[in-house]
N, C-alpha and C. Protein backbone atom coordinates (compact mmCIF):
# COMPACT_ATOMS: atom_id res chain seq x y z
N UNK A 1 -43.74 -1.33 24.33
CA UNK A 1 -45.22 -1.09 24.06
C UNK A 1 -45.85 -2.07 24.75
N UNK A 2 -46.61 -1.31 26.18
CA UNK A 2 -47.66 -2.66 26.71
C UNK A 2 -49.41 -2.85 25.73
N UNK A 3 -49.97 -3.76 26.02
CA UNK A 3 -50.68 -3.99 25.36
C UNK A 3 -51.63 -2.57 25.95
N UNK A 4 -51.86 -2.67 27.07
CA UNK A 4 -52.93 -0.90 26.89
C UNK A 4 -52.22 0.20 26.92
N UNK A 5 -51.05 0.84 26.25
CA UNK A 5 -50.64 1.84 25.36
C UNK A 5 -51.47 1.96 24.07
N UNK A 6 -51.85 3.17 23.91
CA UNK A 6 -51.84 3.71 22.53
C UNK A 6 -50.73 3.28 21.70
N UNK A 7 -51.45 3.13 20.31
CA UNK A 7 -50.21 2.98 19.48
C UNK A 7 -49.49 4.36 19.46
N UNK A 8 -48.35 4.73 19.14
CA UNK A 8 -46.97 5.26 19.37
C UNK A 8 -46.92 5.56 20.16
N UNK A 9 -47.13 5.04 21.54
CA UNK A 9 -47.55 6.22 22.58
C UNK A 9 -45.82 5.95 22.96
N UNK A 10 -45.13 7.25 23.64
CA UNK A 10 -44.12 7.44 23.54
C UNK A 10 -43.32 6.47 23.06
N UNK A 11 -43.32 7.26 21.03
CA UNK A 11 -42.78 7.27 20.66
C UNK A 11 -42.13 8.33 20.13
N UNK A 12 -40.80 8.91 19.81
CA UNK A 12 -40.54 10.14 19.60
C UNK A 12 -41.55 11.01 18.35
N UNK A 13 -41.50 12.40 18.84
CA UNK A 13 -42.30 12.47 17.46
C UNK A 13 -41.86 13.06 16.23
N UNK A 14 -40.11 13.16 16.56
CA UNK A 14 -39.64 13.28 15.15
C UNK A 14 -38.42 12.33 14.55
N UNK A 15 -38.21 12.88 13.39
CA UNK A 15 -37.16 12.31 13.28
C UNK A 15 -35.03 12.63 13.87
N UNK A 16 -34.94 13.60 13.80
CA UNK A 16 -34.22 14.43 14.83
C UNK A 16 -34.39 13.72 16.39
N UNK A 17 -35.63 13.45 17.18
CA UNK A 17 -35.66 13.13 18.60
C UNK A 17 -35.88 11.74 18.81
N UNK A 18 -36.00 11.24 17.82
CA UNK A 18 -35.90 9.16 18.07
C UNK A 18 -34.45 9.44 17.01
N UNK A 19 -33.53 10.25 16.66
CA UNK A 19 -32.02 10.11 16.17
C UNK A 19 -31.53 9.94 17.66
N UNK A 20 -31.59 11.74 18.37
CA UNK A 20 -31.56 11.63 19.53
C UNK A 20 -31.65 10.53 20.98
N UNK A 21 -32.64 9.62 20.53
CA UNK A 21 -32.66 8.61 21.82
C UNK A 21 -31.99 7.19 21.64
N UNK A 22 -32.13 7.22 20.21
CA UNK A 22 -31.54 5.49 20.14
C UNK A 22 -30.35 5.57 19.73
N UNK A 23 -29.65 7.00 19.20
CA UNK A 23 -28.28 7.12 19.24
C UNK A 23 -27.28 6.77 20.47
N UNK A 24 -27.53 7.47 21.65
CA UNK A 24 -27.05 7.37 22.99
C UNK A 24 -26.56 5.70 23.93
N UNK A 25 -28.10 5.25 22.89
CA UNK A 25 -28.16 3.77 23.22
C UNK A 25 -27.44 2.60 22.77
N UNK A 26 -27.23 2.92 20.89
CA UNK A 26 -26.39 2.46 20.79
C UNK A 26 -25.18 2.53 21.10
N UNK A 27 -24.67 3.62 21.19
CA UNK A 27 -22.92 4.04 21.56
C UNK A 27 -22.74 3.42 22.67
N UNK A 28 -24.21 3.59 23.18
CA UNK A 28 -23.52 2.48 24.67
C UNK A 28 -23.55 0.89 24.68
N UNK A 29 -24.31 0.31 23.48
CA UNK A 29 -24.18 -0.47 23.27
C UNK A 29 -22.57 -0.70 22.58
N UNK A 30 -22.93 -0.72 21.72
CA UNK A 30 -21.12 -0.88 20.90
C UNK A 30 -19.81 -0.32 22.31
N UNK A 31 -20.16 0.33 23.08
CA UNK A 31 -18.57 0.66 24.04
C UNK A 31 -18.89 -0.37 24.98
N UNK A 32 -19.87 -1.07 25.37
CA UNK A 32 -19.96 -1.84 26.58
C UNK A 32 -19.25 -4.02 26.02
N UNK A 33 -19.60 -3.64 24.07
CA UNK A 33 -19.40 -4.67 23.58
C UNK A 33 -17.98 -4.92 23.39
N UNK A 34 -17.68 -3.38 23.04
CA UNK A 34 -15.89 -3.32 22.66
C UNK A 34 -15.10 -3.60 24.38
N UNK A 35 -15.74 -3.11 25.56
CA UNK A 35 -15.39 -3.75 26.84
C UNK A 35 -15.12 -4.94 26.68
N UNK A 36 -16.57 -5.46 26.44
CA UNK A 36 -16.49 -7.36 26.80
C UNK A 36 -15.31 -7.92 25.86
N UNK A 37 -15.94 -6.99 24.47
CA UNK A 37 -14.47 -8.11 22.96
C UNK A 37 -12.56 -8.07 23.95
N UNK A 38 -12.84 -6.23 24.67
CA UNK A 38 -11.06 -5.93 25.73
C UNK A 38 -11.22 -6.76 26.50
N UNK A 39 -11.87 -7.26 27.37
CA UNK A 39 -11.79 -8.23 28.58
C UNK A 39 -11.61 -9.39 28.40
N UNK A 40 -12.65 -10.30 26.80
CA UNK A 40 -12.53 -11.61 26.52
C UNK A 40 -10.72 -11.61 26.09
N UNK A 41 -10.67 -10.41 25.44
CA UNK A 41 -9.12 -10.91 24.95
C UNK A 41 -7.91 -10.97 25.72
N UNK A 42 -8.52 -10.50 26.52
CA UNK A 42 -6.99 -9.76 28.29
C UNK A 42 -7.70 -10.91 28.57
N UNK A 43 -8.49 -12.38 28.25
CA UNK A 43 -8.15 -12.67 29.13
C UNK A 43 -7.53 -14.16 28.36
N UNK A 44 -7.66 -13.72 27.38
CA UNK A 44 -7.28 -14.51 25.44
C UNK A 44 -5.53 -14.34 25.64
N UNK A 45 -5.59 -12.64 26.19
CA UNK A 45 -3.68 -12.90 26.29
C UNK A 45 -3.19 -13.90 27.53
N UNK A 46 -4.20 -14.11 28.55
CA UNK A 46 -2.72 -14.43 29.65
C UNK A 46 -3.13 -16.57 29.48
N UNK A 47 -4.01 -16.65 28.43
CA UNK A 47 -4.28 -18.30 28.11
C UNK A 47 -3.05 -18.47 27.20
N UNK A 48 -2.80 -17.52 26.36
CA UNK A 48 -1.64 -17.46 25.55
C UNK A 48 -0.97 -16.95 25.69
N UNK A 49 -0.51 -16.51 26.20
CA UNK A 49 0.79 -16.86 27.80
C UNK A 49 0.84 -17.88 28.19
N UNK A 50 0.02 -17.80 29.31
CA UNK A 50 0.66 -19.53 29.33
C UNK A 50 0.58 -20.66 28.76
N UNK A 51 0.85 -20.76 27.93
CA UNK A 51 0.19 -22.08 26.63
C UNK A 51 1.92 -21.22 25.96
N UNK A 52 2.28 -20.62 25.91
CA UNK A 52 3.60 -19.87 25.58
C UNK A 52 4.29 -20.67 26.65
N UNK A 53 4.82 -19.99 27.90
CA UNK A 53 5.43 -20.11 28.60
C UNK A 53 5.98 -21.31 28.96
N UNK A 54 4.21 -21.90 28.95
CA UNK A 54 4.71 -23.00 29.35
C UNK A 54 5.21 -24.12 28.15
N UNK A 55 5.32 -23.63 26.84
CA UNK A 55 5.87 -24.55 25.28
C UNK A 55 6.97 -24.72 25.28
N UNK A 56 7.61 -23.32 26.12
CA UNK A 56 8.99 -22.55 26.14
C UNK A 56 9.44 -23.98 27.18
N UNK A 57 9.35 -23.92 27.87
CA UNK A 57 8.87 -24.83 29.30
C UNK A 57 9.18 -26.04 29.13
N UNK A 58 8.20 -25.80 27.75
CA UNK A 58 8.09 -28.22 27.57
C UNK A 58 9.26 -28.14 26.89
N UNK A 59 9.46 -27.81 25.91
CA UNK A 59 10.61 -27.68 25.25
C UNK A 59 12.33 -27.80 25.70
N UNK A 60 12.09 -26.81 26.71
CA UNK A 60 13.37 -26.38 26.87
C UNK A 60 14.22 -27.89 27.86
N UNK A 61 12.49 -28.18 29.03
CA UNK A 61 13.09 -29.69 29.42
C UNK A 61 13.26 -30.68 28.38
N UNK A 62 12.67 -31.13 27.42
CA UNK A 62 12.55 -31.60 26.52
C UNK A 62 14.17 -32.05 25.43
N UNK A 63 14.20 -31.18 25.05
CA UNK A 63 15.70 -31.19 24.07
C UNK A 63 16.76 -30.32 24.48
N UNK A 64 16.29 -29.59 25.92
CA UNK A 64 17.84 -28.81 26.23
C UNK A 64 17.99 -27.80 26.31
N UNK A 65 17.53 -27.13 24.88
CA UNK A 65 18.03 -26.19 24.26
C UNK A 65 17.18 -25.12 24.36
N UNK A 66 16.79 -24.46 23.64
CA UNK A 66 15.51 -23.11 23.72
C UNK A 66 16.54 -22.64 22.20
N UNK A 67 15.80 -21.62 21.50
CA UNK A 67 16.15 -21.06 19.63
C UNK A 67 14.16 -20.43 19.20
N UNK A 68 15.02 -19.75 18.11
CA UNK A 68 13.70 -19.33 17.65
C UNK A 68 12.65 -20.26 16.87
N UNK A 69 12.62 -21.37 17.01
CA UNK A 69 11.65 -23.26 16.70
C UNK A 69 11.52 -22.81 17.96
N UNK A 70 11.69 -23.03 18.95
CA UNK A 70 10.86 -22.88 20.38
C UNK A 70 9.57 -21.73 20.30
N UNK A 71 10.44 -21.27 20.07
CA UNK A 71 9.42 -19.53 20.15
C UNK A 71 8.29 -19.46 19.00
N UNK A 72 8.50 -19.82 17.75
CA UNK A 72 7.23 -19.89 16.80
C UNK A 72 6.61 -20.88 16.72
N UNK A 73 7.24 -22.18 18.00
CA UNK A 73 5.94 -23.48 18.50
C UNK A 73 4.88 -22.98 19.33
N UNK A 74 6.16 -21.90 20.65
CA UNK A 74 5.32 -21.38 21.87
C UNK A 74 3.46 -20.82 21.07
N UNK A 75 4.39 -19.95 20.15
CA UNK A 75 3.40 -18.83 19.69
C UNK A 75 1.99 -19.32 18.77
N UNK A 76 2.74 -21.00 17.89
CA UNK A 76 1.23 -21.47 16.83
C UNK A 76 0.66 -21.26 18.40
N UNK A 77 0.77 -22.58 19.61
CA UNK A 77 0.17 -23.06 20.25
C UNK A 77 -0.20 -21.76 21.41
N UNK A 78 0.01 -21.03 21.25
CA UNK A 78 -0.40 -20.49 22.40
C UNK A 78 -1.67 -19.64 21.57
N UNK A 79 -1.58 -18.79 20.15
CA UNK A 79 -2.44 -18.53 19.29
C UNK A 79 -4.34 -19.00 19.14
N UNK A 80 -3.39 -21.08 18.96
CA UNK A 80 -4.77 -21.90 19.40
C UNK A 80 -5.70 -22.23 19.72
N UNK A 81 -4.83 -22.29 21.37
CA UNK A 81 -5.92 -22.15 22.71
C UNK A 81 -6.62 -20.64 22.58
N UNK A 82 -5.66 -19.77 22.54
CA UNK A 82 -6.53 -18.43 22.95
C UNK A 82 -7.46 -18.60 21.76
N UNK A 83 -7.62 -18.80 20.49
CA UNK A 83 -8.58 -18.71 19.66
C UNK A 83 -9.47 -19.49 20.40
N UNK A 84 -9.28 -20.00 20.52
CA UNK A 84 -10.90 -21.56 21.13
C UNK A 84 -12.05 -20.90 21.91
N UNK A 85 -10.27 -20.66 22.45
CA UNK A 85 -11.34 -19.79 24.47
C UNK A 85 -11.98 -18.66 23.89
N UNK A 86 -11.51 -17.74 22.68
CA UNK A 86 -11.72 -16.27 22.82
C UNK A 86 -13.39 -16.54 21.96
N UNK A 87 -13.35 -17.22 21.06
CA UNK A 87 -14.33 -17.29 20.27
C UNK A 87 -15.72 -18.07 20.90
N UNK A 88 -15.45 -19.12 22.23
CA UNK A 88 -16.18 -19.83 23.18
C UNK A 88 -16.97 -18.16 24.01
N UNK A 89 -15.80 -17.52 24.66
CA UNK A 89 -16.52 -16.20 25.09
C UNK A 89 -17.29 -15.16 24.92
N UNK A 90 -16.73 -15.17 23.59
CA UNK A 90 -17.37 -14.16 22.61
C UNK A 90 -18.69 -13.96 22.68
N UNK A 91 -18.93 -15.66 21.72
CA UNK A 91 -19.87 -16.31 20.83
C UNK A 91 -20.92 -16.14 22.56
N UNK A 92 -20.54 -16.36 23.99
CA UNK A 92 -21.74 -16.23 25.41
C UNK A 92 -22.12 -14.67 25.73
N UNK A 93 -20.52 -14.19 25.99
CA UNK A 93 -21.09 -13.12 26.54
C UNK A 93 -20.79 -11.34 25.90
N UNK A 94 -19.67 -11.19 25.19
CA UNK A 94 -19.31 -10.00 24.53
C UNK A 94 -21.05 -10.18 23.50
N UNK A 95 -21.22 -10.73 22.71
CA UNK A 95 -21.90 -10.51 21.37
C UNK A 95 -23.99 -11.42 21.80
N UNK A 96 -23.49 -12.24 22.92
CA UNK A 96 -24.36 -13.62 22.73
C UNK A 96 -25.61 -13.51 22.38
N UNK A 97 -24.85 -13.98 21.31
CA UNK A 97 -24.64 -14.48 20.24
C UNK A 97 -25.52 -16.37 19.78
N UNK A 98 -26.72 -16.19 18.68
CA UNK A 98 -27.54 -17.66 18.93
C UNK A 98 -26.82 -18.35 17.32
N UNK A 99 -26.45 -17.83 16.44
CA UNK A 99 -25.61 -18.01 15.77
C UNK A 99 -25.89 -19.89 15.49
N UNK A 100 -25.09 -19.41 14.02
CA UNK A 100 -24.55 -21.87 14.07
C UNK A 100 -23.61 -21.19 14.85
N UNK A 101 -23.32 -22.30 15.50
CA UNK A 101 -21.49 -22.41 15.84
C UNK A 101 -21.14 -22.53 14.56
N UNK A 102 -21.09 -23.03 13.09
CA UNK A 102 -20.15 -24.20 12.56
C UNK A 102 -20.25 -22.40 11.50
N UNK A 103 -21.17 -21.63 11.69
CA UNK A 103 -20.40 -20.95 10.14
C UNK A 103 -19.94 -19.69 11.03
N UNK A 104 -20.63 -19.23 12.38
CA UNK A 104 -20.02 -18.35 13.95
C UNK A 104 -18.27 -18.37 13.69
N UNK A 105 -18.17 -19.83 13.89
CA UNK A 105 -16.66 -20.36 14.96
C UNK A 105 -15.71 -20.38 13.49
N UNK A 106 -15.72 -20.47 11.94
CA UNK A 106 -15.29 -20.72 10.68
C UNK A 106 -15.02 -19.08 10.16
N UNK A 107 -16.07 -18.03 10.44
CA UNK A 107 -15.77 -16.82 10.07
C UNK A 107 -14.37 -16.76 11.09
N UNK A 108 -14.71 -16.78 12.75
CA UNK A 108 -13.97 -16.30 13.55
C UNK A 108 -12.80 -16.64 13.65
N UNK A 109 -11.93 -18.46 12.93
CA UNK A 109 -10.82 -18.85 12.85
C UNK A 109 -10.49 -18.07 11.73
N UNK A 110 -11.18 -17.92 10.64
CA UNK A 110 -11.02 -16.95 9.31
C UNK A 110 -9.72 -15.49 9.45
N UNK A 111 -10.98 -14.85 10.41
CA UNK A 111 -10.28 -13.68 11.27
C UNK A 111 -9.22 -13.68 11.65
N UNK A 112 -9.02 -14.22 12.66
CA UNK A 112 -8.03 -14.91 13.86
C UNK A 112 -6.87 -15.62 13.47
N UNK A 113 -7.07 -16.26 11.91
CA UNK A 113 -5.60 -16.24 10.93
C UNK A 113 -5.65 -15.60 10.64
N UNK A 114 -6.21 -14.35 9.92
CA UNK A 114 -6.19 -13.22 9.59
C UNK A 114 -4.76 -12.30 10.30
N UNK A 115 -6.03 -11.96 11.46
CA UNK A 115 -5.04 -11.56 12.20
C UNK A 115 -3.47 -12.31 13.02
N UNK A 116 -3.34 -13.01 13.07
CA UNK A 116 -2.42 -14.57 13.45
C UNK A 116 -0.94 -13.91 12.17
N UNK A 117 -1.03 -14.03 10.97
CA UNK A 117 -0.31 -13.63 10.09
C UNK A 117 0.12 -12.63 10.45
N UNK A 118 -1.12 -11.56 10.92
CA UNK A 118 -0.15 -10.00 11.07
C UNK A 118 0.88 -9.70 12.32
N UNK A 119 0.19 -10.80 13.19
CA UNK A 119 0.82 -10.81 14.44
C UNK A 119 1.49 -11.71 14.70
N UNK A 120 2.15 -12.61 13.49
CA UNK A 120 3.27 -13.39 13.25
C UNK A 120 3.98 -12.27 12.92
N UNK A 121 3.99 -11.65 11.67
CA UNK A 121 4.68 -10.86 11.02
C UNK A 121 5.71 -9.30 12.49
N UNK A 122 4.24 -8.79 13.07
CA UNK A 122 4.44 -8.47 13.86
C UNK A 122 5.31 -9.11 15.26
N UNK A 123 5.18 -9.24 15.52
CA UNK A 123 5.76 -10.85 16.61
C UNK A 123 7.60 -11.42 16.86
N UNK A 124 7.35 -11.15 14.46
CA UNK A 124 9.02 -11.67 13.91
C UNK A 124 10.15 -10.51 14.42
N UNK A 125 9.11 -9.39 13.75
CA UNK A 125 9.78 -8.10 13.76
C UNK A 125 10.72 -7.39 15.34
N UNK A 126 8.90 -7.87 16.06
CA UNK A 126 9.95 -7.02 17.16
C UNK A 126 11.23 -8.56 17.53
N UNK A 127 11.14 -9.23 17.34
CA UNK A 127 12.12 -10.20 18.05
C UNK A 127 12.56 -10.53 17.37
N UNK A 128 13.23 -10.34 15.90
CA UNK A 128 14.06 -10.74 15.96
C UNK A 128 14.97 -8.95 15.41
N UNK A 129 14.75 -7.85 14.95
CA UNK A 129 15.08 -7.55 14.48
C UNK A 129 15.22 -5.82 14.78
N UNK A 130 14.43 -6.21 16.31
CA UNK A 130 14.32 -4.68 17.30
C UNK A 130 14.52 -5.93 18.22
N UNK A 131 14.93 -7.06 18.76
CA UNK A 131 15.79 -8.19 19.72
C UNK A 131 14.64 -8.04 21.19
N UNK A 132 13.11 -8.18 20.71
CA UNK A 132 13.22 -8.09 22.22
C UNK A 132 12.40 -9.18 22.41
N UNK A 133 12.64 -9.69 24.11
CA UNK A 133 12.24 -10.78 24.64
C UNK A 133 11.24 -11.30 23.82
N UNK A 134 10.33 -12.16 24.22
CA UNK A 134 10.04 -13.27 23.07
C UNK A 134 8.59 -13.10 23.57
N UNK A 135 7.88 -12.59 25.38
CA UNK A 135 6.94 -12.09 25.79
C UNK A 135 6.39 -11.04 25.39
N UNK A 136 7.42 -9.58 25.23
CA UNK A 136 7.57 -8.97 25.62
C UNK A 136 6.59 -8.16 23.43
N UNK A 137 7.96 -8.90 23.06
CA UNK A 137 7.25 -9.39 21.00
C UNK A 137 5.74 -9.47 20.83
N UNK A 138 5.56 -11.05 21.49
CA UNK A 138 4.38 -11.11 21.70
C UNK A 138 2.67 -10.30 21.79
N UNK A 139 3.59 -9.87 22.68
CA UNK A 139 2.53 -8.60 23.78
C UNK A 139 1.97 -7.69 22.87
N UNK A 140 3.11 -6.67 22.40
CA UNK A 140 2.20 -5.91 20.84
C UNK A 140 2.23 -6.58 19.54
N UNK A 141 3.07 -8.02 19.58
CA UNK A 141 1.67 -8.32 18.64
C UNK A 141 0.15 -8.53 18.88
N UNK A 142 0.11 -9.45 19.72
CA UNK A 142 -1.21 -9.07 20.03
C UNK A 142 -2.30 -8.12 20.54
N UNK A 143 -1.43 -6.96 20.88
CA UNK A 143 -1.91 -5.54 21.30
C UNK A 143 -2.48 -4.88 19.54
N UNK A 144 -1.41 -5.37 18.51
CA UNK A 144 -1.74 -4.94 17.37
C UNK A 144 -2.90 -5.13 16.77
N UNK A 145 -3.15 -5.92 16.57
CA UNK A 145 -3.90 -6.68 15.54
C UNK A 145 -5.37 -6.98 16.33
N UNK A 146 -5.54 -6.52 17.92
CA UNK A 146 -6.72 -6.56 18.12
C UNK A 146 -7.47 -5.59 17.65
N UNK A 147 -7.98 -4.35 17.72
CA UNK A 147 -8.99 -3.01 16.74
C UNK A 147 -9.33 -3.79 15.45
N UNK A 148 -8.12 -4.13 14.74
CA UNK A 148 -9.21 -5.16 13.64
C UNK A 148 -9.97 -5.92 14.00
N UNK A 149 -9.14 -7.32 14.28
CA UNK A 149 -10.05 -8.51 15.42
C UNK A 149 -11.24 -8.00 15.23
N UNK A 150 -11.61 -6.80 16.45
CA UNK A 150 -12.65 -6.55 16.88
C UNK A 150 -13.75 -5.72 16.22
N UNK A 151 -12.84 -5.31 15.31
CA UNK A 151 -14.04 -5.04 13.76
C UNK A 151 -14.63 -6.01 12.94
N UNK A 152 -13.81 -6.90 12.84
CA UNK A 152 -13.76 -8.01 11.44
C UNK A 152 -15.27 -8.71 12.70
N UNK A 153 -14.28 -8.86 13.44
CA UNK A 153 -16.04 -10.59 14.29
C UNK A 153 -17.00 -10.00 14.54
N UNK A 154 -17.54 -7.84 14.91
CA UNK A 154 -18.82 -7.84 15.15
C UNK A 154 -18.35 -7.04 14.32
N UNK A 155 -18.50 -7.32 12.68
CA UNK A 155 -20.10 -6.96 11.50
C UNK A 155 -19.93 -8.07 10.66
N UNK A 156 -18.67 -9.15 10.85
CA UNK A 156 -18.49 -10.35 9.61
C UNK A 156 -19.13 -11.86 10.86
N UNK A 157 -17.92 -12.52 11.52
CA UNK A 157 -18.23 -13.08 12.19
C UNK A 157 -19.61 -13.12 13.31
N UNK A 158 -19.87 -12.87 13.31
CA UNK A 158 -21.41 -12.36 14.14
C UNK A 158 -21.71 -11.19 14.28
N UNK A 159 -22.23 -11.00 12.84
CA UNK A 159 -23.33 -9.53 12.33
C UNK A 159 -24.43 -10.04 12.97
N UNK A 160 -25.63 -11.59 12.73
CA UNK A 160 -26.30 -11.23 12.72
C UNK A 160 -27.33 -10.73 14.11
N UNK A 161 -25.47 -11.07 15.10
CA UNK A 161 -26.15 -11.05 16.59
C UNK A 161 -25.60 -9.50 16.96
N UNK A 162 -25.76 -8.26 15.95
CA UNK A 162 -24.88 -7.15 16.75
C UNK A 162 -25.75 -6.19 15.37
């Protein structure tokens, strides 16, 4: 409202009108945040898989063999690096947060670790019980935890900015 507008000018005259005006903007904002979160998550998948595969290659070169241990080490390193890059991008771009980094990052890591435990279970199930290759198991695990990860981060880690 500018200084020249009378008080209440341009404001809805009823509660129903206020809800109709506010709801589409709110839905668009939430949808845009989800799309941004998904894009950040997609970049995180690329980072995760890059570190996952780089670790497997380094493991193969240094030990001369591959095994389940290599897959789990690679999975963990991919997770750690992608959490850090995802936090930074979500803070700056998705949620445009100005909250305390220490508080947000600790919440983000908590959500990420919880999601990682579920990720690890799904990865193990896909990799060992269904005999899927490491990358496919990793992609299935990442995709499975993404929706809960978004909700927890939106409403807890970055709560002050949503």
